Amino acid sequence: MRTNTQTTILLFTVLAAGGIAAAQPAWNFDTVNSSVNLVGDALADNYDNGMRPGPFFTDTVTRTTFIPGFTGGVNTFDYGNSANPFGVDFVDPFSRTSSSAVGVCTINGATASTMDIAFRANGLMDTFGPDAYDAWSRASVAASLLMNITGASPGQTLTVMYEWTYFGYAVTDHEGLLEDPANARGTLQFTQPDGTFTTLFAEGFDGDDPTLPGTGSNNGSGSFSFVYAPGDSMSVDLTAFAESFMRSPGNVGQAVEDLGGSEFLGTLRLEIVPAPGAAALLALAGALGLPRRRRG
């Protein structure tokens, strides 16, 4: 008698064999009909040198294209881009205020059956010195991604399995009254080939708003199936935003150390799987000992 474990192994073996025999669908990231907008602003002003914000202490970066083979940190992606401004104002060696922002979106598996999408908006500021200071960081990400489906046969049933995550924070650090406000938010939606629109999340964070959390995370998964027709595609729309301020409570006549920042990041994995072919289903029926209908 076959055990449950043996039956399960046999099931996956037969289904895998059937998938190999059937047409193999894959994503094809459409760079022409996809769009991305990444913007970062950073301002840093350390009053210890008697100056005010100017072109030397502010930085703004905007990116509106996907770069093939984009490199971020130690990783290389099929496509991606980032906006990463940095501002600093200082009087060495005792007084320094800096600000940075990051807006980034990356794609891996652009021509594979599994595609990974990641996006992030982040800001960070810090200061140390004996006088007043002011800093601001803002990053925004907005992208509309179109993935065409290739390698499938007309009339073939396909299943898309998806997994998503997000994390956000906007934690404030007030030395005085609400002088370091921060907020972050993000959204993620997709549209199926038949036009069905699904929102995976729309979240906001604010360290000072009692109606919103200061930090949080979540994840989920699901799937949907459809019958493939030539020209079928799937779209993904995403946004991320992070803004924070770091303001001095005033000239206190002594060294002040302060930090500020906010962040939102999200991920989405899309895997497209073909239904097993007729031959695989017949083989599976035989393997499981299911009766077959007799002809005539």
Protein backbone atom coordinates (compact mmCIF):
# COMPACT_ATOMS: atom_id res chain seq x y z
CA MET A 1 0.00 0.00 0.00
CA ARG A 2 1.33 3.46 -0.97
CA THR A 3 1.88 5.84 1.95
CA ASN A 4 0.72 9.47 1.98
CA THR A 5 4.31 10.63 1.70
CA GLN A 6 4.94 8.43 -1.34
CA THR A 7 1.74 9.70 -2.94
CA THR A 8 2.73 13.32 -2.35
CA ILE A 9 6.18 12.81 -3.85
CA LEU A 10 4.63 11.04 -6.83
CA LEU A 11 2.13 13.87 -7.27
CA PHE A 12 4.83 16.55 -7.47
CA THR A 13 6.99 14.41 -9.74
CA VAL A 14 4.19 13.87 -12.24
CA LEU A 15 3.07 17.51 -12.15
CA ALA A 16 6.63 18.69 -12.66
CA ALA A 17 6.99 16.37 -15.63
CA GLY A 18 3.75 17.68 -17.06
CA GLY A 19 4.95 21.28 -16.64
CA ILE A 20 8.11 20.52 -18.55
CA ALA A 21 6.13 19.03 -21.43
CA ALA A 22 3.74 21.99 -21.59
CA ALA A 23 4.50 25.47 -22.87
CA GLN A 24 6.59 27.42 -20.35
CA PRO A 25 5.26 30.92 -19.64
CA ALA A 26 7.51 33.76 -18.49
CA TRP A 27 7.38 37.47 -17.80
CA ASN A 28 8.77 40.01 -20.24
CA PHE A 29 9.25 43.38 -18.55
CA ASP A 30 8.03 46.09 -20.92
CA THR A 31 10.50 48.96 -20.48
CA VAL A 32 8.82 51.08 -23.17
CA ASN A 33 5.38 51.13 -21.53
CA SER A 34 6.57 51.15 -17.92
CA SER A 35 7.44 54.30 -15.98
CA VAL A 36 9.31 55.28 -12.84
CA ASN A 37 9.79 58.57 -10.99
CA LEU A 38 12.33 58.78 -8.17
CA VAL A 39 12.91 62.08 -6.36
CA GLY A 40 15.10 62.89 -3.38
CA ASP A 41 15.70 66.16 -1.51
CA ALA A 42 18.19 66.76 1.27
CA LEU A 43 18.93 69.95 3.21
CA ALA A 44 21.40 70.51 6.01
CA ASP A 45 22.12 73.80 7.77
CA ASN A 46 24.38 74.15 10.77
CA TYR A 47 23.93 77.61 12.26
CA ASP A 48 27.25 77.38 14.08
CA ASN A 49 28.99 78.88 11.03
CA GLY A 50 26.43 81.68 10.73
CA MET A 51 25.23 80.56 7.29
CA ARG A 52 21.76 79.76 5.98
CA PRO A 53 20.68 77.11 3.43
CA GLY A 54 22.12 77.65 -0.01
CA PRO A 55 23.25 75.60 -2.98
CA PHE A 56 26.24 74.38 -1.03
CA PHE A 57 24.11 72.69 1.61
CA THR A 58 21.15 71.32 -0.39
CA ASP A 59 20.86 68.57 -2.97
CA THR A 60 18.00 67.39 -5.19
CA VAL A 61 18.12 64.32 -7.45
CA THR A 62 15.46 63.06 -9.90
CA ARG A 63 15.50 59.82 -11.91
CA THR A 64 12.87 58.86 -14.51
CA THR A 65 14.31 55.81 -16.30
CA PHE A 66 15.12 52.18 -15.57
CA ILE A 67 18.77 51.23 -16.03
CA PRO A 68 19.53 47.69 -17.33
CA GLY A 69 21.98 45.90 -15.04
CA PHE A 70 21.47 48.48 -12.28
CA THR A 71 23.86 48.05 -9.34
CA GLY A 72 22.77 48.98 -5.84
CA GLY A 73 25.16 48.30 -3.00
CA VAL A 74 26.63 44.83 -3.53
CA ASN A 75 23.70 43.64 -5.67
CA THR A 76 23.07 43.80 -9.40
CA PHE A 77 19.51 43.83 -10.74
CA ASP A 78 17.97 43.28 -14.16
CA TYR A 79 16.56 46.83 -14.00
CA GLY A 80 16.48 49.62 -11.46
CA ASN A 81 17.46 53.13 -10.50
CA SER A 82 17.83 55.34 -7.44
CA ALA A 83 17.84 58.98 -6.36
CA ASN A 84 20.25 59.55 -3.48
CA PRO A 85 20.95 63.20 -2.59
CA PHE A 86 23.16 64.26 0.30
CA GLY A 87 23.58 67.58 2.07
CA VAL A 88 26.08 68.59 4.74
CA ASP A 89 27.03 71.78 6.58
CA PHE A 90 29.83 71.84 9.15
CA VAL A 91 32.56 73.65 11.02
CA ASP A 92 35.28 71.10 11.73
CA PRO A 93 35.92 69.44 13.99
CA PHE A 94 33.11 70.14 16.46
CA SER A 95 29.94 71.01 14.57
CA ARG A 96 28.31 69.07 11.74
CA THR A 97 24.77 68.60 10.35
CA SER A 98 24.00 66.18 7.51
CA SER A 99 20.95 64.92 5.62
CA SER A 100 20.39 62.19 3.02
CA ALA A 101 17.47 60.67 1.12
CA VAL A 102 17.04 57.49 -0.90
CA GLY A 103 14.36 56.62 -3.47
CA VAL A 104 14.96 53.30 -5.23
CA CYS A 105 13.08 50.71 -7.31
CA THR A 106 14.57 47.43 -8.59
CA ILE A 107 13.42 44.47 -10.68
CA ASN A 108 14.88 40.97 -10.96
CA GLY A 109 13.57 38.12 -13.15
CA ALA A 110 12.56 40.46 -15.97
CA THR A 111 12.49 37.57 -18.47
CA ALA A 112 11.87 34.66 -16.08
CA SER A 113 8.86 32.88 -14.60
CA THR A 114 9.50 34.54 -11.21
CA MET A 115 9.89 38.30 -10.91
CA ASP A 116 10.96 40.19 -7.78
CA ILE A 117 10.11 43.89 -7.38
CA ALA A 118 11.46 46.00 -4.51
CA PHE A 119 11.03 49.70 -3.70
CA ARG A 120 12.10 51.98 -0.89
CA ALA A 121 11.90 55.59 0.28
CA ASN A 122 14.20 56.55 3.14
CA GLY A 123 15.52 59.63 4.88
CA LEU A 124 18.17 60.06 7.57
CA MET A 125 19.57 63.12 9.32
CA ASP A 126 22.04 63.66 12.14
CA THR A 127 23.81 66.52 13.85
CA PHE A 128 26.36 67.24 16.52
CA GLY A 129 27.38 70.67 17.66
CA PRO A 130 26.99 73.43 20.23
CA ASP A 131 24.55 75.61 18.30
CA ALA A 132 21.25 75.56 16.42
CA TYR A 133 20.65 73.51 13.27
CA ASP A 134 18.00 72.62 10.68
CA ALA A 135 17.68 69.62 8.35
CA TRP A 136 15.11 68.13 5.99
CA SER A 137 14.90 64.86 4.07
CA ARG A 138 12.29 63.74 1.54
CA ALA A 139 12.22 60.77 -0.84
CA SER A 140 9.43 59.61 -3.14
CA VAL A 141 8.98 56.61 -5.43
CA ALA A 142 6.23 56.10 -8.02
CA ALA A 143 6.26 53.38 -10.66
CA SER A 144 3.85 51.76 -13.08
CA LEU A 145 5.23 48.45 -14.35
CA LEU A 146 3.91 46.44 -17.29
CA MET A 147 4.81 42.76 -17.71
CA ASN A 148 3.89 40.98 -20.92
CA ILE A 149 3.41 37.20 -20.77
CA THR A 150 5.41 35.08 -23.20
CA GLY A 151 5.91 31.38 -23.87
CA ALA A 152 2.32 30.32 -23.17
CA SER A 153 -0.08 28.59 -25.56
CA PRO A 154 -3.45 30.17 -26.44
CA GLY A 155 -6.13 28.65 -24.22
CA GLN A 156 -3.60 27.45 -21.65
CA THR A 157 -4.60 27.94 -18.01
CA LEU A 158 -2.01 29.91 -16.04
CA THR A 159 -1.76 30.67 -12.34
CA VAL A 160 0.03 33.68 -10.88
CA MET A 161 1.18 33.27 -7.27
CA TYR A 162 2.16 36.44 -5.43
CA GLU A 163 3.83 37.33 -2.14
CA TRP A 164 4.22 40.84 -0.69
CA THR A 165 5.79 42.56 2.30
CA TYR A 166 6.10 46.08 3.65
CA PHE A 167 7.85 47.85 6.50
CA GLY A 168 7.55 51.48 7.57
CA TYR A 169 8.53 53.79 10.38
CA ALA A 170 8.30 57.47 11.25
CA VAL A 171 9.67 57.67 14.75
CA THR A 172 10.21 61.16 16.14
CA ASP A 173 12.76 62.34 18.68
CA HIS A 174 11.54 65.55 20.29
CA GLU A 175 13.86 67.62 22.45
CA GLY A 176 11.32 70.43 22.36
CA LEU A 177 7.68 70.68 21.24
CA LEU A 178 7.11 68.75 17.99
CA GLU A 179 10.23 70.05 16.31
CA ASP A 180 11.11 66.74 14.59
CA PRO A 181 7.98 65.66 12.65
CA ALA A 182 8.22 62.59 10.39
CA ASN A 183 5.88 60.58 8.18
CA ALA A 184 6.03 57.72 5.67
CA ARG A 185 3.54 55.90 3.45
CA GLY A 186 3.32 53.40 0.63
CA THR A 187 0.88 51.62 -1.69
CA LEU A 188 0.95 48.52 -3.89
CA GLN A 189 -1.67 47.34 -6.43
CA PHE A 190 -1.77 45.11 -9.47
CA THR A 191 -4.14 44.54 -12.40
CA GLN A 192 -4.78 41.05 -13.73
CA PRO A 193 -4.93 40.28 -17.48
CA ASP A 194 -8.75 40.38 -17.32
CA GLY A 195 -8.70 43.88 -15.80
CA THR A 196 -9.39 42.87 -12.19
CA PHE A 197 -7.74 45.41 -9.85
CA THR A 198 -6.32 44.28 -6.51
CA THR A 199 -4.91 46.48 -3.72
CA LEU A 200 -2.34 44.66 -1.61
CA PHE A 201 -1.69 47.50 0.83
CA ALA A 202 -2.05 51.25 1.38
CA GLU A 203 -0.31 52.15 4.64
CA GLY A 204 0.76 55.32 6.44
CA PHE A 205 2.98 56.04 9.45
CA ASP A 206 3.37 59.17 11.55
CA GLY A 207 5.08 59.53 14.88
CA ASP A 208 2.85 62.43 15.95
CA ASP A 209 -0.55 61.51 14.50
CA PRO A 210 -2.51 59.43 17.06
CA THR A 211 -4.60 57.91 14.25
CA LEU A 212 -1.53 56.37 12.58
CA PRO A 213 1.14 53.97 13.88
CA GLY A 214 4.71 55.13 14.27
CA THR A 215 6.06 51.90 12.83
CA GLY A 216 4.74 48.61 11.45
CA SER A 217 5.12 45.75 8.99
CA ASN A 218 3.01 43.09 7.31
CA ASN A 219 3.09 40.42 4.61
CA GLY A 220 0.69 38.27 2.63
CA SER A 221 0.25 35.99 -0.35
CA GLY A 222 -2.36 34.79 -2.81
CA SER A 223 -2.96 33.57 -6.34
CA PHE A 224 -5.27 33.90 -9.32
CA SER A 225 -5.74 31.87 -12.50
CA PHE A 226 -6.76 32.80 -16.03
CA VAL A 227 -6.92 31.36 -19.54
CA TYR A 228 -4.13 32.81 -21.62
CA ALA A 229 -4.77 34.75 -24.81
CA PRO A 230 -2.01 36.27 -26.99
CA GLY A 231 -1.17 39.79 -25.81
CA ASP A 232 -2.07 39.17 -22.16
CA SER A 233 -0.13 41.27 -19.66
CA MET A 234 -0.16 42.26 -16.00
CA SER A 235 0.57 45.66 -14.48
CA VAL A 236 1.84 46.72 -11.05
CA ASP A 237 1.53 50.21 -9.54
CA LEU A 238 3.50 51.22 -6.46
CA THR A 239 4.39 54.29 -4.41
CA ALA A 240 6.58 55.07 -1.42
CA PHE A 241 7.16 58.33 0.42
CA ALA A 242 9.29 59.34 3.41
CA GLU A 243 9.70 62.84 4.83
CA SER A 244 11.26 64.02 8.06
CA PHE A 245 12.56 67.19 9.68
CA MET A 246 15.21 67.71 12.31
CA ARG A 247 14.98 71.08 13.99
CA SER A 248 16.91 72.42 16.93
CA PRO A 249 14.99 73.28 20.08
CA GLY A 250 17.17 76.44 20.15
CA ASN A 251 20.68 77.51 20.95
CA VAL A 252 21.20 75.79 24.27
CA GLY A 253 24.86 76.79 24.63
CA GLN A 254 26.15 73.25 24.74
CA ALA A 255 26.79 70.31 22.44
CA VAL A 256 23.61 68.82 20.97
CA GLU A 257 23.35 65.42 19.28
CA ASP A 258 20.17 64.63 17.33
CA LEU A 259 18.88 62.05 14.85
CA GLY A 260 15.82 61.97 12.61
CA GLY A 261 14.39 59.96 9.77
CA SER A 262 11.60 57.89 8.25
CA GLU A 263 11.30 54.99 5.82
CA PHE A 264 8.90 52.89 3.77
CA LEU A 265 9.90 49.79 1.83
CA GLY A 266 7.90 47.14 -0.01
CA THR A 267 8.48 43.96 -2.02
CA LEU A 268 6.42 41.88 -4.42
CA ARG A 269 7.19 38.44 -5.90
CA LEU A 270 5.20 37.24 -8.91
CA GLU A 271 5.49 33.64 -10.09
CA ILE A 272 3.65 32.45 -13.18
CA VAL A 273 2.90 28.71 -13.28
CA PRO A 274 1.31 26.67 -16.10
CA ALA A 275 -1.46 24.19 -15.35
CA PRO A 276 -0.38 20.57 -15.98
CA GLY A 277 -1.09 19.29 -19.46
CA ALA A 278 -3.55 16.52 -20.33
CA ALA A 279 -0.80 13.91 -20.52
CA ALA A 280 0.38 14.79 -17.03
CA LEU A 281 -3.14 14.54 -15.65
CA LEU A 282 -3.62 11.09 -17.21
CA ALA A 283 -0.29 9.97 -15.79
CA LEU A 284 -1.26 11.36 -12.40
CA ALA A 285 -4.57 9.49 -12.47
CA GLY A 286 -2.74 6.27 -13.20
CA ALA A 287 -0.11 6.92 -10.55
CA LEU A 288 -2.77 7.51 -7.92
CA GLY A 289 -4.74 4.47 -8.99
CA LEU A 290 -7.79 6.43 -10.08
CA PRO A 291 -10.23 4.56 -12.38
CA ARG A 292 -10.31 5.58 -16.03
CA ARG A 293 -13.44 5.84 -18.07
CA ARG A 294 -13.77 3.02 -20.59
CA ARG A 295 -14.54 3.77 -24.19
CA GLY A 296 -17.44 2.26 -26.12
